[in-house]
All heavy atoms as atom14 arrays in JSON, in Angstrom:
{
  "sequence": "LDRDTLTSKDWVGYIYATTPIVALTADESAKI",
  "atom14_mask": [
    [1, 1, 1, 1, 1, 1, 1, 1, 0, 0, 0, 0, 0, 0],
    [1, 1, 1, 1, 1, 1, 1, 1, 0, 0, 0, 0, 0, 0],
    [1, 1, 1, 1, 1, 1, 1, 1, 1, 1, 1, 0, 0, 0],
    [1, 1, 1, 1, 1, 1, 1, 1, 0, 0, 0, 0, 0, 0],
    [1, 1, 1, 1, 1, 1, 1, 0, 0, 0, 0, 0, 0, 0],
    [1, 1, 1, 1, 1, 1, 1, 1, 0, 0, 0, 0, 0, 0],
    [1, 1, 1, 1, 1, 1, 1, 0, 0, 0, 0, 0, 0, 0],
    [1, 1, 1, 1, 1, 1, 0, 0, 0, 0, 0, 0, 0, 0],
    [1, 1, 1, 1, 1, 1, 1, 1, 1, 0, 0, 0, 0, 0],
    [1, 1, 1, 1, 1, 1, 1, 1, 0, 0, 0, 0, 0, 0],
    [1, 1, 1, 1, 1, 1, 1, 1, 1, 1, 1, 1, 1, 1],
    [1, 1, 1, 1, 1, 1, 1, 0, 0, 0, 0, 0, 0, 0],
    [1, 1, 1, 1, 0, 0, 0, 0, 0, 0, 0, 0, 0, 0],
    [1, 1, 1, 1, 1, 1, 1, 1, 1, 1, 1, 1, 0, 0],
    [1, 1, 1, 1, 1, 1, 1, 1, 0, 0, 0, 0, 0, 0],
    [1, 1, 1, 1, 1, 1, 1, 1, 1, 1, 1, 1, 0, 0],
    [1, 1, 1, 1, 1, 0, 0, 0, 0, 0, 0, 0, 0, 0],
    [1, 1, 1, 1, 1, 1, 1, 0, 0, 0, 0, 0, 0, 0],
    [1, 1, 1, 1, 1, 1, 1, 0, 0, 0, 0, 0, 0, 0],
    [1, 1, 1, 1, 1, 1, 1, 0, 0, 0, 0, 0, 0, 0],
    [1, 1, 1, 1, 1, 1, 1, 1, 0, 0, 0, 0, 0, 0],
    [1, 1, 1, 1, 1, 1, 1, 0, 0, 0, 0, 0, 0, 0],
    [1, 1, 1, 1, 1, 0, 0, 0, 0, 0, 0, 0, 0, 0],
    [1, 1, 1, 1, 1, 1, 1, 1, 0, 0, 0, 0, 0, 0],
    [1, 1, 1, 1, 1, 1, 1, 0, 0, 0, 0, 0, 0, 0],
    [1, 1, 1, 1, 1, 0, 0, 0, 0, 0, 0, 0, 0, 0],
    [1, 1, 1, 1, 1, 1, 1, 1, 0, 0, 0, 0, 0, 0],
    [1, 1, 1, 1, 1, 1, 1, 1, 1, 0, 0, 0, 0, 0],
    [1, 1, 1, 1, 1, 1, 0, 0, 0, 0, 0, 0, 0, 0],
    [1, 1, 1, 1, 1, 0, 0, 0, 0, 0, 0, 0, 0, 0],
    [1, 1, 1, 1, 1, 1, 1, 1, 1, 0, 0, 0, 0, 0],
    [1, 1, 1, 1, 1, 1, 1, 1, 0, 0, 0, 0, 0, 0]
  ],
  "atom14_positions": [
    [[119.36, -6.86, 105.33], [118.38, -5.88, 104.9], [119.05, -4.85, 104.0], [120.06, -4.27, 104.35], [117.78, -5.18, 106.12], [116.8, -4.06, 105.84], [115.53, -4.63, 105.22], [116.48, -3.3, 107.09], [0.0, 0.0, 0.0], [0.0, 0.0, 0.0], [0.0, 0.0, 0.0], [0.0, 0.0, 0.0], [0.0, 0.0, 0.0], [0.0, 0.0, 0.0]],
    [[118.5, -4.65, 102.83], [119.01, -3.64, 101.91], [118.1, -2.42, 101.98], [117.05, -2.38, 101.35], [119.07, -4.19, 100.48], [119.67, -3.19, 99.5], [120.08, -2.09, 99.92], [119.73, -3.53, 98.31], [0.0, 0.0, 0.0], [0.0, 0.0, 0.0], [0.0, 0.0, 0.0], [0.0, 0.0, 0.0], [0.0, 0.0, 0.0], [0.0, 0.0, 0.0]],
    [[118.49, -1.46, 102.81], [117.66, -0.27, 103.02], [117.4, 0.49, 101.74], [116.38, 1.14, 101.6], [118.32, 0.67, 104.03], [118.25, 0.15, 105.44], [118.88, 1.09, 106.41], [118.52, 2.47, 106.17], [119.05, 3.49, 106.81], [119.96, 3.3, 107.72], [118.68, 4.72, 106.54], [0.0, 0.0, 0.0], [0.0, 0.0, 0.0], [0.0, 0.0, 0.0]],
    [[118.31, 0.41, 100.79], [118.16, 1.17, 99.55], [116.98, 0.69, 98.7], [116.48, 1.43, 97.86], [119.44, 1.11, 98.72], [120.6, 1.81, 99.41], [120.34, 2.73, 100.23], [121.74, 1.44, 99.15], [0.0, 0.0, 0.0], [0.0, 0.0, 0.0], [0.0, 0.0, 0.0], [0.0, 0.0, 0.0], [0.0, 0.0, 0.0], [0.0, 0.0, 0.0]],
    [[116.54, -0.53, 98.92], [115.44, -1.06, 98.12], [114.08, -0.89, 98.8], [113.06, -1.19, 98.2], [115.64, -2.56, 97.81], [115.63, -3.29, 99.05], [116.95, -2.78, 97.08], [0.0, 0.0, 0.0], [0.0, 0.0, 0.0], [0.0, 0.0, 0.0], [0.0, 0.0, 0.0], [0.0, 0.0, 0.0], [0.0, 0.0, 0.0], [0.0, 0.0, 0.0]],
    [[114.08, -0.41, 100.03], [112.82, -0.23, 100.76], [112.22, 1.14, 100.51], [112.93, 2.14, 100.46], [113.04, -0.38, 102.27], [113.47, -1.75, 102.78], [113.7, -1.69, 104.28], [112.44, -2.81, 102.46], [0.0, 0.0, 0.0], [0.0, 0.0, 0.0], [0.0, 0.0, 0.0], [0.0, 0.0, 0.0], [0.0, 0.0, 0.0], [0.0, 0.0, 0.0]],
    [[110.9, 1.18, 100.37], [110.21, 2.47, 100.34], [110.19, 2.99, 101.77], [110.43, 2.24, 102.73], [108.77, 2.32, 99.83], [108.03, 1.54, 100.78], [108.73, 1.67, 98.45], [0.0, 0.0, 0.0], [0.0, 0.0, 0.0], [0.0, 0.0, 0.0], [0.0, 0.0, 0.0], [0.0, 0.0, 0.0], [0.0, 0.0, 0.0], [0.0, 0.0, 0.0]],
    [[109.86, 4.25, 101.94], [109.81, 4.8, 103.3], [108.75, 4.08, 104.12], [108.93, 3.83, 105.31], [109.57, 6.3, 103.28], [108.36, 6.6, 102.62], [0.0, 0.0, 0.0], [0.0, 0.0, 0.0], [0.0, 0.0, 0.0], [0.0, 0.0, 0.0], [0.0, 0.0, 0.0], [0.0, 0.0, 0.0], [0.0, 0.0, 0.0], [0.0, 0.0, 0.0]],
    [[107.64, 3.7, 103.49], [106.58, 2.97, 104.21], [107.1, 1.59, 104.65], [106.85, 1.17, 105.78], [105.35, 2.81, 103.32], [104.2, 2.12, 104.01], [102.98, 2.03, 103.1], [101.87, 1.31, 103.8], [100.69, 1.17, 102.96], [0.0, 0.0, 0.0], [0.0, 0.0, 0.0], [0.0, 0.0, 0.0], [0.0, 0.0, 0.0], [0.0, 0.0, 0.0]],
    [[107.84, 0.91, 103.77], [108.41, -0.39, 104.12], [109.4, -0.25, 105.26], [109.46, -1.07, 106.17], [109.12, -1.03, 102.93], [108.17, -1.47, 101.84], [106.99, -1.71, 102.13], [108.63, -1.56, 100.68], [0.0, 0.0, 0.0], [0.0, 0.0, 0.0], [0.0, 0.0, 0.0], [0.0, 0.0, 0.0], [0.0, 0.0, 0.0], [0.0, 0.0, 0.0]],
    [[110.22, 0.82, 105.2], [111.23, 1.03, 106.23], [110.58, 1.26, 107.59], [110.98, 0.68, 108.59], [112.13, 2.21, 105.84], [113.18, 2.52, 106.84], [113.31, 3.67, 107.54], [114.25, 1.67, 107.29], [114.4, 3.59, 108.38], [114.98, 2.38, 108.24], [114.64, 0.37, 106.96], [116.09, 1.84, 108.88], [115.74, -0.16, 107.6], [116.45, 0.57, 108.54]],
    [[109.54, 2.1, 107.64], [108.83, 2.35, 108.89], [108.21, 1.05, 109.4], [108.29, 0.73, 110.59], [107.76, 3.45, 108.72], [106.84, 3.53, 109.92], [108.42, 4.79, 108.46], [0.0, 0.0, 0.0], [0.0, 0.0, 0.0], [0.0, 0.0, 0.0], [0.0, 0.0, 0.0], [0.0, 0.0, 0.0], [0.0, 0.0, 0.0], [0.0, 0.0, 0.0]],
    [[107.64, 0.27, 108.51], [107.07, -1.02, 108.9], [108.13, -1.95, 109.47], [107.89, -2.65, 110.46], [0.0, 0.0, 0.0], [0.0, 0.0, 0.0], [0.0, 0.0, 0.0], [0.0, 0.0, 0.0], [0.0, 0.0, 0.0], [0.0, 0.0, 0.0], [0.0, 0.0, 0.0], [0.0, 0.0, 0.0], [0.0, 0.0, 0.0], [0.0, 0.0, 0.0]],
    [[109.29, -1.96, 108.86], [110.4, -2.79, 109.35], [110.82, -2.36, 110.75], [111.01, -3.18, 111.64], [111.59, -2.71, 108.39], [112.82, -3.4, 108.94], [112.95, -4.77, 108.88], [113.84, -2.65, 109.53], [114.08, -5.41, 109.39], [114.96, -3.27, 110.05], [115.08, -4.64, 109.98], [116.18, -5.26, 110.49], [0.0, 0.0, 0.0], [0.0, 0.0, 0.0]],
    [[110.96, -1.06, 110.95], [111.37, -0.54, 112.26], [110.35, -0.95, 113.32], [110.71, -1.46, 114.39], [111.51, 1.0, 112.23], [112.66, 1.41, 111.33], [111.68, 1.57, 113.63], [114.02, 0.95, 111.78], [0.0, 0.0, 0.0], [0.0, 0.0, 0.0], [0.0, 0.0, 0.0], [0.0, 0.0, 0.0], [0.0, 0.0, 0.0], [0.0, 0.0, 0.0]],
    [[109.06, -0.75, 113.05], [108.04, -1.11, 114.03], [107.98, -2.62, 114.27], [107.73, -3.06, 115.38], [106.67, -0.57, 113.62], [106.51, 0.88, 113.92], [106.48, 1.83, 112.9], [106.4, 1.34, 115.22], [106.34, 3.17, 113.18], [106.27, 2.69, 115.51], [106.24, 3.59, 114.49], [106.11, 4.93, 114.76], [0.0, 0.0, 0.0], [0.0, 0.0, 0.0]],
    [[108.23, -3.4, 113.24], [108.14, -4.86, 113.38], [109.32, -5.43, 114.15], [109.22, -6.49, 114.75], [108.07, -5.5, 112.0], [0.0, 0.0, 0.0], [0.0, 0.0, 0.0], [0.0, 0.0, 0.0], [0.0, 0.0, 0.0], [0.0, 0.0, 0.0], [0.0, 0.0, 0.0], [0.0, 0.0, 0.0], [0.0, 0.0, 0.0], [0.0, 0.0, 0.0]],
    [[110.45, -4.73, 114.15], [111.65, -5.27, 114.8], [112.02, -4.57, 116.1], [112.96, -4.96, 116.76], [112.85, -5.2, 113.84], [113.05, -3.84, 113.45], [112.64, -6.08, 112.62], [0.0, 0.0, 0.0], [0.0, 0.0, 0.0], [0.0, 0.0, 0.0], [0.0, 0.0, 0.0], [0.0, 0.0, 0.0], [0.0, 0.0, 0.0], [0.0, 0.0, 0.0]],
    [[111.26, -3.54, 116.46], [111.53, -2.82, 117.7], [110.76, -3.49, 118.84], [109.56, -3.72, 118.72], [111.1, -1.35, 117.57], [111.81, -0.77, 116.47], [111.39, -0.58, 118.83], [0.0, 0.0, 0.0], [0.0, 0.0, 0.0], [0.0, 0.0, 0.0], [0.0, 0.0, 0.0], [0.0, 0.0, 0.0], [0.0, 0.0, 0.0], [0.0, 0.0, 0.0]],
    [[111.43, -3.8, 119.93], [110.72, -4.43, 121.05], [109.63, -3.51, 121.59], [109.8, -2.29, 121.62], [111.81, -4.62, 122.11], [113.1, -4.35, 121.45], [112.83, -3.58, 120.21], [0.0, 0.0, 0.0], [0.0, 0.0, 0.0], [0.0, 0.0, 0.0], [0.0, 0.0, 0.0], [0.0, 0.0, 0.0], [0.0, 0.0, 0.0], [0.0, 0.0, 0.0]],
    [[108.54, -4.11, 122.0], [107.44, -3.35, 122.59], [107.58, -3.41, 124.1], [107.38, -4.46, 124.71], [106.08, -3.89, 122.13], [105.96, -3.74, 120.62], [104.95, -3.15, 122.84], [104.73, -4.4, 120.03], [0.0, 0.0, 0.0], [0.0, 0.0, 0.0], [0.0, 0.0, 0.0], [0.0, 0.0, 0.0], [0.0, 0.0, 0.0], [0.0, 0.0, 0.0]],
    [[107.97, -2.3, 124.66], [108.13, -2.18, 126.11], [106.89, -1.43, 126.6], [106.72, -0.25, 126.32], [109.42, -1.42, 126.47], [109.53, -1.22, 127.96], [110.63, -2.15, 125.91], [0.0, 0.0, 0.0], [0.0, 0.0, 0.0], [0.0, 0.0, 0.0], [0.0, 0.0, 0.0], [0.0, 0.0, 0.0], [0.0, 0.0, 0.0], [0.0, 0.0, 0.0]],
    [[106.02, -2.15, 127.3], [104.74, -1.58, 127.7], [104.78, -1.08, 129.14], [105.19, -1.79, 130.05], [103.65, -2.62, 127.55], [0.0, 0.0, 0.0], [0.0, 0.0, 0.0], [0.0, 0.0, 0.0], [0.0, 0.0, 0.0], [0.0, 0.0, 0.0], [0.0, 0.0, 0.0], [0.0, 0.0, 0.0], [0.0, 0.0, 0.0], [0.0, 0.0, 0.0]],
    [[104.35, 0.16, 129.3], [104.21, 0.74, 130.64], [102.86, 0.33, 131.22], [101.9, 0.14, 130.48], [104.27, 2.26, 130.57], [105.57, 2.9, 130.07], [105.4, 4.41, 129.97], [106.72, 2.56, 130.98], [0.0, 0.0, 0.0], [0.0, 0.0, 0.0], [0.0, 0.0, 0.0], [0.0, 0.0, 0.0], [0.0, 0.0, 0.0], [0.0, 0.0, 0.0]],
    [[102.79, 0.23, 132.53], [101.49, 0.04, 133.18], [100.75, 1.37, 133.11], [101.33, 2.42, 132.8], [101.67, -0.37, 134.66], [102.28, 0.73, 135.36], [102.5, -1.63, 134.8], [0.0, 0.0, 0.0], [0.0, 0.0, 0.0], [0.0, 0.0, 0.0], [0.0, 0.0, 0.0], [0.0, 0.0, 0.0], [0.0, 0.0, 0.0], [0.0, 0.0, 0.0]],
    [[99.47, 1.34, 133.43], [98.67, 2.57, 133.42], [99.25, 3.58, 134.41], [99.34, 4.78, 134.11], [97.22, 2.26, 133.75], [0.0, 0.0, 0.0], [0.0, 0.0, 0.0], [0.0, 0.0, 0.0], [0.0, 0.0, 0.0], [0.0, 0.0, 0.0], [0.0, 0.0, 0.0], [0.0, 0.0, 0.0], [0.0, 0.0, 0.0], [0.0, 0.0, 0.0]],
    [[99.66, 3.12, 135.58], [100.25, 4.02, 136.58], [101.57, 4.61, 136.09], [101.84, 5.81, 136.28], [100.48, 3.3, 137.91], [99.18, 2.99, 138.65], [98.16, 3.64, 138.35], [99.21, 2.1, 139.52], [0.0, 0.0, 0.0], [0.0, 0.0, 0.0], [0.0, 0.0, 0.0], [0.0, 0.0, 0.0], [0.0, 0.0, 0.0], [0.0, 0.0, 0.0]],
    [[102.41, 3.77, 135.46], [103.69, 4.27, 134.94], [103.46, 5.3, 133.85], [104.11, 6.35, 133.82], [104.53, 3.11, 134.4], [105.06, 2.18, 135.47], [105.6, 0.88, 134.92], [105.26, 0.5, 133.78], [106.37, 0.23, 135.64], [0.0, 0.0, 0.0], [0.0, 0.0, 0.0], [0.0, 0.0, 0.0], [0.0, 0.0, 0.0], [0.0, 0.0, 0.0]],
    [[102.53, 5.01, 132.98], [102.23, 5.93, 131.88], [101.71, 7.27, 132.4], [102.13, 8.33, 131.94], [101.21, 5.29, 130.95], [100.98, 6.12, 129.85], [0.0, 0.0, 0.0], [0.0, 0.0, 0.0], [0.0, 0.0, 0.0], [0.0, 0.0, 0.0], [0.0, 0.0, 0.0], [0.0, 0.0, 0.0], [0.0, 0.0, 0.0], [0.0, 0.0, 0.0]],
    [[100.8, 7.21, 133.36], [100.25, 8.44, 133.94], [101.34, 9.26, 134.63], [101.32, 10.49, 134.58], [99.14, 8.1, 134.92], [0.0, 0.0, 0.0], [0.0, 0.0, 0.0], [0.0, 0.0, 0.0], [0.0, 0.0, 0.0], [0.0, 0.0, 0.0], [0.0, 0.0, 0.0], [0.0, 0.0, 0.0], [0.0, 0.0, 0.0], [0.0, 0.0, 0.0]],
    [[102.27, 8.56, 135.24], [103.35, 9.23, 135.99], [104.2, 10.12, 135.09], [104.68, 11.17, 135.53], [104.22, 8.18, 136.67], [105.35, 8.71, 137.48], [106.13, 7.59, 138.14], [107.33, 8.11, 138.89], [108.15, 7.03, 139.46], [0.0, 0.0, 0.0], [0.0, 0.0, 0.0], [0.0, 0.0, 0.0], [0.0, 0.0, 0.0], [0.0, 0.0, 0.0]],
    [[104.39, 9.73, 133.84], [105.3, 10.48, 132.97], [104.63, 11.11, 131.75], [105.31, 11.69, 130.92], [106.47, 9.59, 132.49], [105.96, 8.44, 131.62], [107.32, 9.13, 133.65], [107.07, 7.72, 130.87], [0.0, 0.0, 0.0], [0.0, 0.0, 0.0], [0.0, 0.0, 0.0], [0.0, 0.0, 0.0], [0.0, 0.0, 0.0], [0.0, 0.0, 0.0]]
  ]
}
């Protein structure tokens, strides 16, 4: 990945696309 060629929108999209989605349950979410 060449970060220098990415726009900020592309970079944010890359981060979200490659970051694992760790989902809390409703109870876990409410707890914190």
